[in-house]
C-alpha atoms as a PDB file:
ATOM      1  CA  MET A   1       0.000   0.000   0.000  1.00  0.00           C
ATOM      2  CA  SER A   2       1.346   3.425  -0.796  1.00  0.00           C
ATOM      3  CA  ALA A   3       2.277   5.902   1.927  1.00  0.00           C
ATOM      4  CA  ALA A   4      -0.413   8.348   0.759  1.00  0.00           C
ATOM      5  CA  VAL A   5      -3.173   5.730   1.038  1.00  0.00           C
ATOM      6  CA  THR A   6      -1.917   4.659   4.468  1.00  0.00           C
ATOM      7  CA  LEU A   7      -1.896   8.265   5.696  1.00  0.00           C
ATOM      8  CA  ALA A   8      -5.367   8.862   4.295  1.00  0.00           C
ATOM      9  CA  LEU A   9      -6.700   5.761   6.084  1.00  0.00           C
ATOM     10  CA  LEU A  10      -5.068   6.767   9.360  1.00  0.00           C
ATOM     11  CA  PHE A  11      -6.556  10.263   9.073  1.00  0.00           C
ATOM     12  CA  PHE A  12     -10.017   8.838   8.299  1.00  0.00           C
ATOM     13  CA  PHE A  13      -9.932   6.437  11.245  1.00  0.00           C
ATOM     14  CA  SER A  14      -8.664   9.099  13.654  1.00  0.00           C
ATOM     15  CA  VAL A  15     -11.563  11.365  12.647  1.00  0.00           C
ATOM     16  CA  ALA A  16     -14.000   8.447  12.905  1.00  0.00           C
ATOM     17  CA  LEU A  17     -12.739   7.582  16.387  1.00  0.00           C
ATOM     18  CA  LYS A  18     -13.294  11.154  17.557  1.00  0.00           C
ATOM     19  CA  GLU A  19     -16.909  10.864  16.439  1.00  0.00           C
ATOM     20  CA  VAL A  20     -17.529   7.867  18.725  1.00  0.00           C
ATOM     21  CA  LYS A  21     -19.830   8.885  21.527  1.00  0.00           C
ATOM     22  CA  GLY A  22     -18.901   7.862  25.052  1.00  0.00           C
ATOM     23  CA  CYS A  23     -20.506   4.934  26.753  1.00  0.00           C
ATOM     24  CA  SER A  24     -23.616   5.791  28.716  1.00  0.00           C
ATOM     25  CA  CYS A  25     -25.478   3.538  31.102  1.00  0.00           C
ATOM     26  CA  ALA A  26     -28.865   4.033  32.670  1.00  0.00           C
ATOM     27  CA  PRO A  27     -28.613   4.032  36.463  1.00  0.00           C
ATOM     28  CA  GLY A  28     -29.789   0.824  38.059  1.00  0.00           C
ATOM     29  CA  HIS A  29     -30.327  -0.590  41.510  1.00  0.00           C
ATOM     30  CA  PRO A  30     -27.861  -3.397  42.359  1.00  0.00           C
ATOM     31  CA  GLN A  31     -30.718  -5.936  42.447  1.00  0.00           C
ATOM     32  CA  GLN A  32     -31.889  -4.809  39.017  1.00  0.00           C
ATOM     33  CA  LEU A  33     -28.336  -5.169  37.639  1.00  0.00           C
ATOM     34  CA  PHE A  34     -28.064  -8.583  39.343  1.00  0.00           C
ATOM     35  CA  CYS A  35     -31.319  -9.810  37.810  1.00  0.00           C
ATOM     36  CA  MET A  36     -30.440  -8.603  34.295  1.00  0.00           C
ATOM     37  CA  SER A  37     -27.097 -10.472  34.349  1.00  0.00           C
ATOM     38  CA  ASP A  38     -26.556 -14.025  33.124  1.00  0.00           C
ATOM     39  CA  ILE A  39     -23.806 -14.648  35.678  1.00  0.00           C
ATOM     40  CA  VAL A  40     -22.905 -12.938  38.964  1.00  0.00           C
ATOM     41  CA  MET A  41     -19.826 -14.041  40.887  1.00  0.00           C
ATOM     42  CA  GLN A  42     -17.037 -13.125  43.230  1.00  0.00           C
ATOM     43  CA  ALA A  43     -13.769 -13.727  41.416  1.00  0.00           C
ATOM     44  CA  GLU A  44     -10.124 -12.823  41.624  1.00  0.00           C
ATOM     45  CA  VAL A  45      -8.520 -11.251  38.578  1.00  0.00           C
ATOM     46  CA  THR A  46      -5.087 -12.835  38.150  1.00  0.00           C
ATOM     47  CA  GLY A  47      -3.986 -11.582  34.725  1.00  0.00           C
ATOM     48  CA  GLU A  48      -4.936  -9.800  31.541  1.00  0.00           C
ATOM     49  CA  LYS A  49      -4.193  -9.946  27.837  1.00  0.00           C
ATOM     50  CA  ILE A  50      -5.164  -7.637  24.982  1.00  0.00           C
ATOM     51  CA  ILE A  51      -6.742  -9.505  22.075  1.00  0.00           C
ATOM     52  CA  HIS A  52      -6.479  -7.506  18.885  1.00  0.00           C
ATOM     53  CA  SER A  53      -9.437  -7.676  16.550  1.00  0.00           C
ATOM     54  CA  GLY A  54      -7.261  -8.192  13.497  1.00  0.00           C
ATOM     55  CA  GLY A  55      -8.294  -4.795  12.158  1.00  0.00           C
ATOM     56  CA  ILE A  56      -6.094  -1.788  11.696  1.00  0.00           C
ATOM     57  CA  ILE A  57      -7.899   0.424  14.202  1.00  0.00           C
ATOM     58  CA  PRO A  58      -5.948   0.583  17.464  1.00  0.00           C
ATOM     59  CA  GLY A  59      -7.971   0.142  20.649  1.00  0.00           C
ATOM     60  CA  MET A  60     -10.810  -1.801  19.044  1.00  0.00           C
ATOM     61  CA  GLY A  61      -9.767  -5.134  20.513  1.00  0.00           C
ATOM     62  CA  LYS A  62     -10.909  -6.931  23.634  1.00  0.00           C
ATOM     63  CA  ILE A  63      -9.300  -7.418  27.017  1.00  0.00           C
ATOM     64  CA  GLN A  64      -9.244 -10.980  28.293  1.00  0.00           C
ATOM     65  CA  TYR A  65      -8.973 -11.217  32.070  1.00  0.00           C
ATOM     66  CA  GLU A  66      -7.886 -14.466  33.679  1.00  0.00           C
ATOM     67  CA  ILE A  67      -9.988 -15.137  36.747  1.00  0.00           C
ATOM     68  CA  GLN A  68     -10.266 -17.542  39.617  1.00  0.00           C
ATOM     69  CA  VAL A  69     -13.900 -18.000  40.637  1.00  0.00           C
ATOM     70  CA  ILE A  70     -14.436 -17.748  44.389  1.00  0.00           C
ATOM     71  CA  GLU A  71     -18.227 -17.830  44.754  1.00  0.00           C
ATOM     72  CA  VAL A  72     -21.174 -17.882  42.342  1.00  0.00           C
ATOM     73  CA  PHE A  73     -24.418 -16.032  43.107  1.00  0.00           C
ATOM     74  CA  LYS A  74     -26.219 -16.484  39.783  1.00  0.00           C
ATOM     75  CA  GLY A  75     -25.589 -18.637  36.696  1.00  0.00           C
ATOM     76  CA  PHE A  76     -24.513 -21.784  38.517  1.00  0.00           C
ATOM     77  CA  ASP A  77     -25.241 -23.965  35.468  1.00  0.00           C
ATOM     78  CA  ARG A  78     -22.915 -21.914  33.208  1.00  0.00           C
ATOM     79  CA  ILE A  79     -19.983 -21.365  35.550  1.00  0.00           C
ATOM     80  CA  ASN A  80     -17.973 -24.433  34.502  1.00  0.00           C
ATOM     81  CA  GLU A  81     -17.397 -22.905  31.068  1.00  0.00           C
ATOM     82  CA  ILE A  82     -15.987 -19.659  32.508  1.00  0.00           C
ATOM     83  CA  GLN A  83     -12.205 -19.284  32.664  1.00  0.00           C
ATOM     84  CA  HIS A  84     -11.907 -15.753  31.372  1.00  0.00           C
ATOM     85  CA  VAL A  85     -13.825 -12.497  31.451  1.00  0.00           C
ATOM     86  CA  TYR A  86     -13.886 -10.281  28.367  1.00  0.00           C
ATOM     87  CA  THR A  87     -14.533  -6.565  27.907  1.00  0.00           C
ATOM     88  CA  ASN A  88     -14.031  -4.030  25.148  1.00  0.00           C
ATOM     89  CA  GLU A  89     -10.637  -2.390  25.152  1.00  0.00           C
ATOM     90  CA  MET A  90     -12.028   1.137  24.818  1.00  0.00           C
ATOM     91  CA  SER A  91     -14.097   2.800  27.544  1.00  0.00           C
ATOM     92  CA  SER A  92     -16.069   4.616  24.830  1.00  0.00           C
ATOM     93  CA  MET A  93     -17.313   1.143  23.879  1.00  0.00           C
ATOM     94  CA  CYS A  94     -18.265   0.515  27.540  1.00  0.00           C
ATOM     95  CA  GLY A  95     -15.102  -1.475  28.231  1.00  0.00           C
ATOM     96  CA  THR A  96     -13.874  -1.508  31.796  1.00  0.00           C
ATOM     97  CA  ARG A  97     -10.428  -1.886  33.318  1.00  0.00           C
ATOM     98  CA  LEU A  98      -9.946  -4.324  36.165  1.00  0.00           C
ATOM     99  CA  GLY A  99      -6.786  -4.527  38.238  1.00  0.00           C
ATOM    100  CA  HIS A 100      -5.533  -7.528  40.148  1.00  0.00           C
ATOM    101  CA  GLY A 101      -7.778  -8.291  43.098  1.00  0.00           C
ATOM    102  CA  GLN A 102     -11.179  -9.648  44.045  1.00  0.00           C
ATOM    103  CA  TYR A 103     -14.279  -8.287  42.339  1.00  0.00           C
ATOM    104  CA  LEU A 104     -17.990  -8.719  42.164  1.00  0.00           C
ATOM    105  CA  LEU A 105     -18.460  -9.439  38.462  1.00  0.00           C
ATOM    106  CA  SER A 106     -21.773  -9.560  36.645  1.00  0.00           C
ATOM    107  CA  GLY A 107     -22.355  -9.754  32.928  1.00  0.00           C
ATOM    108  CA  SER A 108     -23.673 -11.608  29.932  1.00  0.00           C
ATOM    109  CA  ILE A 109     -22.846 -14.809  28.137  1.00  0.00           C
ATOM    110  CA  THR A 110     -22.014 -14.008  24.503  1.00  0.00           C
ATOM    111  CA  PRO A 111     -20.600 -16.180  21.719  1.00  0.00           C
ATOM    112  CA  GLU A 112     -17.165 -14.868  22.823  1.00  0.00           C
ATOM    113  CA  GLY A 113     -17.685 -15.958  26.451  1.00  0.00           C
ATOM    114  CA  PHE A 114     -18.469 -14.159  29.714  1.00  0.00           C
ATOM    115  CA  PHE A 115     -18.571 -10.465  28.814  1.00  0.00           C
ATOM    116  CA  VAL A 116     -18.666  -7.501  31.217  1.00  0.00           C
ATOM    117  CA  SER A 117     -19.025  -3.774  30.631  1.00  0.00           C
ATOM    118  CA  MET A 118     -19.037  -0.654  32.760  1.00  0.00           C
ATOM    119  CA  CYS A 119     -22.850  -0.829  32.666  1.00  0.00           C
ATOM    120  CA  ASP A 120     -22.837  -4.106  34.634  1.00  0.00           C
ATOM    121  CA  TYR A 121     -22.642  -4.556  38.401  1.00  0.00           C
ATOM    122  CA  LEU A 122     -18.854  -4.490  38.879  1.00  0.00           C
ATOM    123  CA  GLU A 123     -17.186  -3.560  42.153  1.00  0.00           C
ATOM    124  CA  LEU A 124     -14.075  -4.313  44.136  1.00  0.00           C
ATOM    125  CA  TRP A 125     -15.179  -6.958  46.617  1.00  0.00           C
ATOM    126  CA  ASP A 126     -13.766  -5.076  49.616  1.00  0.00           C
ATOM    127  CA  LYS A 127     -15.792  -1.967  48.716  1.00  0.00           C
ATOM    128  CA  LEU A 128     -19.112  -3.805  49.074  1.00  0.00           C
ATOM    129  CA  SER A 129     -20.917  -3.369  52.379  1.00  0.00           C
ATOM    130  CA  LEU A 130     -21.864  -6.338  54.548  1.00  0.00           C
ATOM    131  CA  MET A 131     -25.523  -5.736  53.573  1.00  0.00           C
ATOM    132  CA  GLN A 132     -24.661  -5.820  49.850  1.00  0.00           C
ATOM    133  CA  LYS A 133     -22.777  -9.105  50.309  1.00  0.00           C
ATOM    134  CA  GLU A 134     -25.714 -10.615  52.207  1.00  0.00           C
ATOM    135  CA  ASN A 135     -28.144  -9.431  49.523  1.00  0.00           C
ATOM    136  CA  LEU A 136     -26.011 -11.120  46.864  1.00  0.00           C
ATOM    137  CA  LYS A 137     -26.072 -14.409  48.764  1.00  0.00           C
ATOM    138  CA  TYR A 138     -29.626 -14.486  50.111  1.00  0.00           C
ATOM    139  CA  ARG A 139     -32.007 -11.902  48.650  1.00  0.00           C
ATOM    140  CA  TYR A 140     -31.360 -10.656  45.127  1.00  0.00           C
ATOM    141  CA  LEU A 141     -31.993 -13.935  43.293  1.00  0.00           C
ATOM    142  CA  MET A 142     -35.279 -14.533  45.118  1.00  0.00           C
ATOM    143  CA  GLY A 143     -36.456 -11.019  44.311  1.00  0.00           C
ATOM    144  CA  CYS A 144     -35.914 -11.026  40.542  1.00  0.00           C
ATOM    145  CA  THR A 145     -39.665 -11.257  39.924  1.00  0.00           C
ATOM    146  CA  CYS A 146     -40.068  -7.885  41.657  1.00  0.00           C
ATOM    147  CA  MET A 147     -38.057  -5.360  39.690  1.00  0.00           C
ATOM    148  CA  ILE A 148     -36.927  -2.182  41.392  1.00  0.00           C
ATOM    149  CA  SER A 149     -37.463   1.023  39.462  1.00  0.00           C
ATOM    150  CA  THR A 150     -34.699   3.583  39.701  1.00  0.00           C
ATOM    151  CA  CYS A 151     -35.909   7.127  40.154  1.00  0.00           C
ATOM    152  CA  ILE A 152     -33.761   9.631  38.301  1.00  0.00           C
ATOM    153  CA  GLU A 153     -35.927  12.694  38.707  1.00  0.00           C
ATOM    154  CA  LYS A 154     -37.617  14.357  41.664  1.00  0.00           C
ATOM    155  CA  PRO A 155     -40.291  13.876  42.866  1.00  0.00           C
ATOM    156  CA  CYS A 156     -40.283  10.126  42.365  1.00  0.00           C
ATOM    157  CA  GLN A 157     -43.526   8.595  41.199  1.00  0.00           C
ATOM    158  CA  PRO A 158     -44.398   4.974  42.003  1.00  0.00           C
ATOM    159  CA  SER A 159     -44.224   2.739  38.933  1.00  0.00           C
ATOM    160  CA  THR A 160     -47.330   0.762  40.050  1.00  0.00           C
ATOM    161  CA  LYS A 161     -50.080   1.217  42.592  1.00  0.00           C
ATOM    162  CA  LYS A 162     -48.647  -1.682  44.629  1.00  0.00           C
END
């Protein structure tokens, strides 16, 4: 490929990347995020690897986190197939960065595997309160038939008469 074509492509992609809107997530109650997830677990992140998409656009790959599952709160039947957690490399694509340590991880099963984003219920395990940890173990799964509505404007109106 000629240098002029390469420069033109790089310019085009840099302009296109600037046009990408940032990730936005609707606020959600932890139980709502729990119930919408395919899998919820406590896991330790032990390593990471960038997986390039094979394209020429930098940053459009995935991050593969190696994990060690500690406890499963939801998705017990799917947990045996989970060895890694994936996320988009770019935060503008809702990707999230995880350091080494223990996390509450929730997310979806995709054809690529267990996938998490910054819109999921993700938190350092030590930052969760005792009540949040108890809710994960004993209450959230039983309450998935009763969805909690998040109020984002004042005054809050009940979603149903009950």
